[in-house]
Amino acid sequence: MNAGSVTGRRIGWGITGVMTIAAVAAIVAPPAFADVTQLDVSSGGGTLVVGSTYQLRAKAENFDSQPVMFRDNGSCIGSRPTTSQNTGALVIIDWTPTSAGTHTITATQAGVAKSVRVEVIAAAGQPAAPAATPSGCGGGGSIGSGSAGS
Protein backbone atom coordinates (compact mmCIF):
# COMPACT_ATOMS: atom_id res chain seq x y z
CA MET A 1 0.00 0.00 0.00
CA ASN A 2 1.23 3.44 -0.89
CA ALA A 3 2.06 5.78 2.06
CA GLY A 4 0.49 8.70 0.17
CA SER A 5 -2.86 6.95 -0.17
CA VAL A 6 -2.93 6.05 3.57
CA THR A 7 -2.22 9.66 4.50
CA GLY A 8 -4.87 10.83 2.03
CA ARG A 9 -7.45 8.49 3.55
CA ARG A 10 -6.61 9.69 7.07
CA ILE A 11 -7.03 13.31 6.02
CA GLY A 12 -10.32 12.41 4.32
CA TRP A 13 -11.59 10.66 7.45
CA GLY A 14 -10.49 13.62 9.58
CA ILE A 15 -12.37 16.09 7.38
CA THR A 16 -15.44 13.84 7.42
CA GLY A 17 -15.31 13.68 11.23
CA VAL A 18 -15.04 17.45 11.60
CA MET A 19 -17.93 18.01 9.16
CA THR A 20 -20.09 15.47 11.02
CA ILE A 21 -19.45 17.20 14.36
CA ALA A 22 -20.29 20.58 12.83
CA ALA A 23 -23.52 19.22 11.32
CA VAL A 24 -24.63 17.68 14.63
CA ALA A 25 -23.86 20.92 16.48
CA ALA A 26 -25.97 22.87 13.99
CA ILE A 27 -28.90 20.46 14.36
CA VAL A 28 -28.98 20.35 18.16
CA ALA A 29 -28.17 24.02 18.76
CA PRO A 30 -30.99 26.13 20.25
CA PRO A 31 -32.87 28.39 17.85
CA ALA A 32 -30.65 31.27 16.86
CA PHE A 33 -31.46 34.80 17.80
CA ALA A 34 -34.98 34.60 19.23
CA ASP A 35 -35.44 37.26 21.83
CA VAL A 36 -38.42 39.39 22.85
CA THR A 37 -36.78 42.36 24.57
CA GLN A 38 -39.61 44.82 24.97
CA LEU A 39 -43.39 44.67 25.41
CA ASP A 40 -45.87 47.48 25.85
CA VAL A 41 -49.59 48.21 25.65
CA SER A 42 -50.63 51.28 23.66
CA SER A 43 -52.97 53.13 25.98
CA GLY A 44 -51.87 56.60 25.02
CA GLY A 45 -51.02 57.11 28.67
CA GLY A 46 -54.67 56.75 29.62
CA THR A 47 -56.67 54.19 31.54
CA LEU A 48 -57.34 50.78 29.98
CA VAL A 49 -61.08 50.11 29.75
CA VAL A 50 -63.00 46.87 29.17
CA GLY A 51 -64.28 46.72 25.59
CA SER A 52 -61.73 49.16 24.13
CA THR A 53 -59.09 47.90 21.72
CA TYR A 54 -55.38 48.44 22.32
CA GLN A 55 -52.23 47.43 20.49
CA LEU A 56 -49.74 45.08 22.11
CA ARG A 57 -46.27 45.77 20.75
CA ALA A 58 -43.38 43.37 21.20
CA LYS A 59 -39.88 44.14 20.02
CA ALA A 60 -38.18 41.03 18.67
CA GLU A 61 -34.45 41.67 18.59
CA ASN A 62 -33.50 38.75 16.42
CA PHE A 63 -35.18 36.24 14.17
CA ASP A 64 -35.48 32.52 13.74
CA SER A 65 -38.74 32.65 11.75
CA GLN A 66 -40.83 31.66 14.77
CA PRO A 67 -43.90 33.77 15.53
CA VAL A 68 -44.34 35.89 18.62
CA MET A 69 -47.20 34.53 20.75
CA PHE A 70 -49.27 36.88 22.90
CA ARG A 71 -51.15 35.76 26.03
CA ASP A 72 -53.32 37.48 28.63
CA ASN A 73 -53.22 35.78 32.05
CA GLY A 74 -52.16 32.60 30.22
CA SER A 75 -54.98 32.65 27.65
CA CYS A 76 -54.13 32.96 23.99
CA ILE A 77 -54.63 36.35 22.38
CA GLY A 78 -52.94 35.30 19.12
CA SER A 79 -49.61 35.09 17.36
CA ARG A 80 -47.85 37.08 14.67
CA PRO A 81 -44.78 36.34 12.58
CA THR A 82 -41.74 38.58 12.66
CA THR A 83 -42.00 40.78 9.58
CA SER A 84 -38.47 42.09 9.18
CA GLN A 85 -35.05 40.55 8.87
CA ASN A 86 -33.53 43.58 10.56
CA THR A 87 -32.74 43.73 14.25
CA GLY A 88 -35.50 45.32 16.29
CA ALA A 89 -38.68 44.35 14.42
CA LEU A 90 -41.92 45.44 16.07
CA VAL A 91 -44.60 42.74 16.22
CA ILE A 92 -48.08 44.17 16.82
CA ILE A 93 -51.44 42.59 17.66
CA ASP A 94 -54.77 44.09 18.74
CA TRP A 95 -56.16 43.24 22.18
CA THR A 96 -59.63 43.97 23.58
CA PRO A 97 -59.87 43.20 27.31
CA THR A 98 -63.20 41.65 28.30
CA SER A 99 -62.78 41.78 32.08
CA ALA A 100 -61.70 44.34 34.65
CA GLY A 101 -58.75 43.74 36.94
CA THR A 102 -55.05 42.95 36.69
CA HIS A 103 -53.89 41.43 33.41
CA THR A 104 -50.46 39.94 32.82
CA ILE A 105 -49.69 40.28 29.12
CA THR A 106 -46.90 38.01 27.86
CA ALA A 107 -45.13 37.92 24.49
CA THR A 108 -43.09 34.77 23.77
CA GLN A 109 -40.84 33.77 20.89
CA ALA A 110 -38.95 30.46 20.90
CA GLY A 111 -39.35 30.13 24.66
CA VAL A 112 -38.07 33.63 25.47
CA ALA A 113 -40.81 35.67 27.16
CA LYS A 114 -41.38 39.24 28.27
CA SER A 115 -44.35 40.22 30.45
CA VAL A 116 -46.08 43.40 31.56
CA ARG A 117 -48.88 43.84 34.12
CA VAL A 118 -51.70 46.30 33.42
CA GLU A 119 -54.90 47.32 35.19
CA VAL A 120 -58.18 47.36 33.27
CA ILE A 121 -61.29 49.09 34.60
CA ALA A 122 -64.92 48.33 33.78
CA ALA A 123 -66.58 50.53 31.20
CA ALA A 124 -69.21 52.79 32.74
CA GLY A 125 -72.67 51.41 31.96
CA GLN A 126 -71.48 49.12 29.17
CA PRO A 127 -71.49 45.33 28.99
CA ALA A 128 -68.26 43.42 28.46
CA ALA A 129 -67.09 43.12 24.87
CA PRO A 130 -67.72 39.79 23.14
CA ALA A 131 -64.88 37.28 23.30
CA ALA A 132 -62.39 37.68 20.47
CA THR A 133 -61.43 34.73 18.32
CA PRO A 134 -57.75 33.97 18.97
CA SER A 135 -55.50 33.78 15.94
CA GLY A 136 -53.51 30.81 17.17
CA CYS A 137 -50.95 30.45 19.90
CA GLY A 138 -50.30 26.75 19.45
CA GLY A 139 -48.57 24.66 22.07
CA GLY A 140 -51.69 24.07 24.11
CA GLY A 141 -53.12 26.40 26.68
CA SER A 142 -56.68 27.52 26.82
CA ILE A 143 -58.30 29.04 23.81
CA GLY A 144 -60.18 31.95 25.24
CA SER A 145 -60.86 35.60 24.91
CA GLY A 146 -57.41 36.61 26.03
CA SER A 147 -58.86 38.12 29.16
CA ALA A 148 -59.22 35.24 31.58
CA GLY A 149 -59.16 36.01 35.25
CA SER A 150 -59.19 39.32 36.95
C-alpha atoms as a PDB file:
ATOM      1  CA  MET A   1       0.000   0.000   0.000  1.00  0.00           C
ATOM      2  CA  ASN A   2       1.232   3.443  -0.887  1.00  0.00           C
ATOM      3  CA  ALA A   3       2.060   5.777   2.060  1.00  0.00           C
ATOM      4  CA  GLY A   4       0.492   8.705   0.171  1.00  0.00           C
ATOM      5  CA  SER A   5      -2.864   6.947  -0.169  1.00  0.00           C
ATOM      6  CA  VAL A   6      -2.931   6.046   3.569  1.00  0.00           C
ATOM      7  CA  THR A   7      -2.220   9.662   4.500  1.00  0.00           C
ATOM      8  CA  GLY A   8      -4.867  10.834   2.027  1.00  0.00           C
ATOM      9  CA  ARG A   9      -7.452   8.489   3.554  1.00  0.00           C
ATOM     10  CA  ARG A  10      -6.613   9.686   7.070  1.00  0.00           C
ATOM     11  CA  ILE A  11      -7.032  13.307   6.019  1.00  0.00           C
ATOM     12  CA  GLY A  12     -10.321  12.410   4.317  1.00  0.00           C
ATOM     13  CA  TRP A  13     -11.592  10.657   7.453  1.00  0.00           C
ATOM     14  CA  GLY A  14     -10.490  13.620   9.580  1.00  0.00           C
ATOM     15  CA  ILE A  15     -12.370  16.093   7.378  1.00  0.00           C
ATOM     16  CA  THR A  16     -15.443  13.840   7.421  1.00  0.00           C
ATOM     17  CA  GLY A  17     -15.314  13.684  11.226  1.00  0.00           C
ATOM     18  CA  VAL A  18     -15.044  17.451  11.598  1.00  0.00           C
ATOM     19  CA  MET A  19     -17.927  18.011   9.159  1.00  0.00           C
ATOM     20  CA  THR A  20     -20.086  15.473  11.019  1.00  0.00           C
ATOM     21  CA  ILE A  21     -19.454  17.197  14.357  1.00  0.00           C
ATOM     22  CA  ALA A  22     -20.286  20.579  12.826  1.00  0.00           C
ATOM     23  CA  ALA A  23     -23.521  19.224  11.324  1.00  0.00           C
ATOM     24  CA  VAL A  24     -24.626  17.679  14.631  1.00  0.00           C
ATOM     25  CA  ALA A  25     -23.859  20.917  16.480  1.00  0.00           C
ATOM     26  CA  ALA A  26     -25.973  22.873  13.995  1.00  0.00           C
ATOM     27  CA  ILE A  27     -28.901  20.463  14.361  1.00  0.00           C
ATOM     28  CA  VAL A  28     -28.978  20.348  18.164  1.00  0.00           C
ATOM     29  CA  ALA A  29     -28.169  24.021  18.757  1.00  0.00           C
ATOM     30  CA  PRO A  30     -30.987  26.129  20.249  1.00  0.00           C
ATOM     31  CA  PRO A  31     -32.871  28.393  17.847  1.00  0.00           C
ATOM     32  CA  ALA A  32     -30.651  31.265  16.856  1.00  0.00           C
ATOM     33  CA  PHE A  33     -31.455  34.802  17.795  1.00  0.00           C
ATOM     34  CA  ALA A  34     -34.978  34.595  19.233  1.00  0.00           C
ATOM     35  CA  ASP A  35     -35.440  37.259  21.834  1.00  0.00           C
ATOM     36  CA  VAL A  36     -38.419  39.395  22.850  1.00  0.00           C
ATOM     37  CA  THR A  37     -36.778  42.357  24.569  1.00  0.00           C
ATOM     38  CA  GLN A  38     -39.613  44.821  24.969  1.00  0.00           C
ATOM     39  CA  LEU A  39     -43.391  44.667  25.409  1.00  0.00           C
ATOM     40  CA  ASP A  40     -45.872  47.482  25.854  1.00  0.00           C
ATOM     41  CA  VAL A  41     -49.588  48.209  25.648  1.00  0.00           C
ATOM     42  CA  SER A  42     -50.628  51.277  23.663  1.00  0.00           C
ATOM     43  CA  SER A  43     -52.975  53.132  25.981  1.00  0.00           C
ATOM     44  CA  GLY A  44     -51.865  56.598  25.020  1.00  0.00           C
ATOM     45  CA  GLY A  45     -51.021  57.113  28.668  1.00  0.00           C
ATOM     46  CA  GLY A  46     -54.670  56.750  29.623  1.00  0.00           C
ATOM     47  CA  THR A  47     -56.668  54.189  31.535  1.00  0.00           C
ATOM     48  CA  LEU A  48     -57.339  50.782  29.984  1.00  0.00           C
ATOM     49  CA  VAL A  49     -61.082  50.114  29.755  1.00  0.00           C
ATOM     50  CA  VAL A  50     -62.998  46.865  29.167  1.00  0.00           C
ATOM     51  CA  GLY A  51     -64.277  46.720  25.587  1.00  0.00           C
ATOM     52  CA  SER A  52     -61.729  49.158  24.129  1.00  0.00           C
ATOM     53  CA  THR A  53     -59.090  47.897  21.719  1.00  0.00           C
ATOM     54  CA  TYR A  54     -55.384  48.440  22.319  1.00  0.00           C
ATOM     55  CA  GLN A  55     -52.233  47.428  20.493  1.00  0.00           C
ATOM     56  CA  LEU A  56     -49.744  45.076  22.114  1.00  0.00           C
ATOM     57  CA  ARG A  57     -46.269  45.770  20.747  1.00  0.00           C
ATOM     58  CA  ALA A  58     -43.378  43.372  21.204  1.00  0.00           C
ATOM     59  CA  LYS A  59     -39.877  44.144  20.024  1.00  0.00           C
ATOM     60  CA  ALA A  60     -38.181  41.025  18.665  1.00  0.00           C
ATOM     61  CA  GLU A  61     -34.449  41.674  18.594  1.00  0.00           C
ATOM     62  CA  ASN A  62     -33.501  38.746  16.418  1.00  0.00           C
ATOM     63  CA  PHE A  63     -35.178  36.243  14.168  1.00  0.00           C
ATOM     64  CA  ASP A  64     -35.479  32.519  13.739  1.00  0.00           C
ATOM     65  CA  SER A  65     -38.738  32.654  11.750  1.00  0.00           C
ATOM     66  CA  GLN A  66     -40.829  31.657  14.771  1.00  0.00           C
ATOM     67  CA  PRO A  67     -43.898  33.775  15.535  1.00  0.00           C
ATOM     68  CA  VAL A  68     -44.341  35.895  18.624  1.00  0.00           C
ATOM     69  CA  MET A  69     -47.204  34.528  20.753  1.00  0.00           C
ATOM     70  CA  PHE A  70     -49.266  36.881  22.899  1.00  0.00           C
ATOM     71  CA  ARG A  71     -51.154  35.762  26.028  1.00  0.00           C
ATOM     72  CA  ASP A  72     -53.317  37.477  28.626  1.00  0.00           C
ATOM     73  CA  ASN A  73     -53.219  35.781  32.049  1.00  0.00           C
ATOM     74  CA  GLY A  74     -52.160  32.599  30.221  1.00  0.00           C
ATOM     75  CA  SER A  75     -54.978  32.647  27.652  1.00  0.00           C
ATOM     76  CA  CYS A  76     -54.127  32.962  23.988  1.00  0.00           C
ATOM     77  CA  ILE A  77     -54.629  36.353  22.376  1.00  0.00           C
ATOM     78  CA  GLY A  78     -52.938  35.303  19.124  1.00  0.00           C
ATOM     79  CA  SER A  79     -49.607  35.093  17.364  1.00  0.00           C
ATOM     80  CA  ARG A  80     -47.854  37.081  14.674  1.00  0.00           C
ATOM     81  CA  PRO A  81     -44.777  36.339  12.584  1.00  0.00           C
ATOM     82  CA  THR A  82     -41.743  38.578  12.661  1.00  0.00           C
ATOM     83  CA  THR A  83     -41.997  40.781   9.581  1.00  0.00           C
ATOM     84  CA  SER A  84     -38.473  42.093   9.179  1.00  0.00           C
ATOM     85  CA  GLN A  85     -35.053  40.553   8.866  1.00  0.00           C
ATOM     86  CA  ASN A  86     -33.531  43.577  10.563  1.00  0.00           C
ATOM     87  CA  THR A  87     -32.739  43.726  14.246  1.00  0.00           C
ATOM     88  CA  GLY A  88     -35.498  45.315  16.290  1.00  0.00           C
ATOM     89  CA  ALA A  89     -38.684  44.350  14.424  1.00  0.00           C
ATOM     90  CA  LEU A  90     -41.915  45.437  16.065  1.00  0.00           C
ATOM     91  CA  VAL A  91     -44.600  42.735  16.219  1.00  0.00           C
ATOM     92  CA  ILE A  92     -48.079  44.174  16.818  1.00  0.00           C
ATOM     93  CA  ILE A  93     -51.442  42.590  17.660  1.00  0.00           C
ATOM     94  CA  ASP A  94     -54.769  44.093  18.737  1.00  0.00           C
ATOM     95  CA  TRP A  95     -56.157  43.239  22.185  1.00  0.00           C
ATOM     96  CA  THR A  96     -59.628  43.974  23.583  1.00  0.00           C
ATOM     97  CA  PRO A  97     -59.867  43.201  27.311  1.00  0.00           C
ATOM     98  CA  THR A  98     -63.202  41.652  28.302  1.00  0.00           C
ATOM     99  CA  SER A  99     -62.784  41.785  32.082  1.00  0.00           C
ATOM    100  CA  ALA A 100     -61.705  44.341  34.654  1.00  0.00           C
ATOM    101  CA  GLY A 101     -58.751  43.743  36.942  1.00  0.00           C
ATOM    102  CA  THR A 102     -55.052  42.954  36.687  1.00  0.00           C
ATOM    103  CA  HIS A 103     -53.894  41.427  33.410  1.00  0.00           C
ATOM    104  CA  THR A 104     -50.464  39.937  32.816  1.00  0.00           C
ATOM    105  CA  ILE A 105     -49.685  40.277  29.121  1.00  0.00           C
ATOM    106  CA  THR A 106     -46.896  38.012  27.858  1.00  0.00           C
ATOM    107  CA  ALA A 107     -45.127  37.916  24.488  1.00  0.00           C
ATOM    108  CA  THR A 108     -43.087  34.774  23.769  1.00  0.00           C
ATOM    109  CA  GLN A 109     -40.839  33.772  20.892  1.00  0.00           C
ATOM    110  CA  ALA A 110     -38.951  30.461  20.899  1.00  0.00           C
ATOM    111  CA  GLY A 111     -39.352  30.126  24.664  1.00  0.00           C
ATOM    112  CA  VAL A 112     -38.069  33.628  25.473  1.00  0.00           C
ATOM    113  CA  ALA A 113     -40.810  35.667  27.160  1.00  0.00           C
ATOM    114  CA  LYS A 114     -41.380  39.239  28.272  1.00  0.00           C
ATOM    115  CA  SER A 115     -44.354  40.223  30.452  1.00  0.00           C
ATOM    116  CA  VAL A 116     -46.082  43.401  31.561  1.00  0.00           C
ATOM    117  CA  ARG A 117     -48.884  43.842  34.125  1.00  0.00           C
ATOM    118  CA  VAL A 118     -51.701  46.297  33.425  1.00  0.00           C
ATOM    119  CA  GLU A 119     -54.902  47.318  35.189  1.00  0.00           C
ATOM    120  CA  VAL A 120     -58.175  47.362  33.274  1.00  0.00           C
ATOM    121  CA  ILE A 121     -61.289  49.095  34.598  1.00  0.00           C
ATOM    122  CA  ALA A 122     -64.921  48.325  33.785  1.00  0.00           C
ATOM    123  CA  ALA A 123     -66.582  50.531  31.196  1.00  0.00           C
ATOM    124  CA  ALA A 124     -69.206  52.790  32.736  1.00  0.00           C
ATOM    125  CA  GLY A 125     -72.666  51.412  31.959  1.00  0.00           C
ATOM    126  CA  GLN A 126     -71.479  49.118  29.165  1.00  0.00           C
ATOM    127  CA  PRO A 127     -71.492  45.328  28.989  1.00  0.00           C
ATOM    128  CA  ALA A 128     -68.255  43.420  28.455  1.00  0.00           C
ATOM    129  CA  ALA A 129     -67.088  43.118  24.869  1.00  0.00           C
ATOM    130  CA  PRO A 130     -67.722  39.787  23.136  1.00  0.00           C
ATOM    131  CA  ALA A 131     -64.879  37.279  23.298  1.00  0.00           C
ATOM    132  CA  ALA A 132     -62.392  37.675  20.474  1.00  0.00           C
ATOM    133  CA  THR A 133     -61.429  34.731  18.320  1.00  0.00           C
ATOM    134  CA  PRO A 134     -57.745  33.972  18.970  1.00  0.00           C
ATOM    135  CA  SER A 135     -55.500  33.784  15.935  1.00  0.00           C
ATOM    136  CA  GLY A 136     -53.509  30.809  17.171  1.00  0.00           C
ATOM    137  CA  CYS A 137     -50.950  30.454  19.899  1.00  0.00           C
ATOM    138  CA  GLY A 138     -50.303  26.751  19.448  1.00  0.00           C
ATOM    139  CA  GLY A 139     -48.572  24.663  22.069  1.00  0.00           C
ATOM    140  CA  GLY A 140     -51.691  24.072  24.108  1.00  0.00           C
ATOM    141  CA  GLY A 141     -53.123  26.398  26.679  1.00  0.00           C
ATOM    142  CA  SER A 142     -56.679  27.525  26.819  1.00  0.00           C
ATOM    143  CA  ILE A 143     -58.300  29.043  23.810  1.00  0.00           C
ATOM    144  CA  GLY A 144     -60.184  31.954  25.241  1.00  0.00           C
ATOM    145  CA  SER A 145     -60.856  35.605  24.906  1.00  0.00           C
ATOM    146  CA  GLY A 146     -57.407  36.611  26.033  1.00  0.00           C
ATOM    147  CA  SER A 147     -58.856  38.120  29.160  1.00  0.00           C
ATOM    148  CA  ALA A 148     -59.217  35.244  31.584  1.00  0.00           C
ATOM    149  CA  GLY A 149     -59.160  36.009  35.247  1.00  0.00           C
ATOM    150  CA  SER A 150     -59.193  39.317  36.950  1.00  0.00           C
END
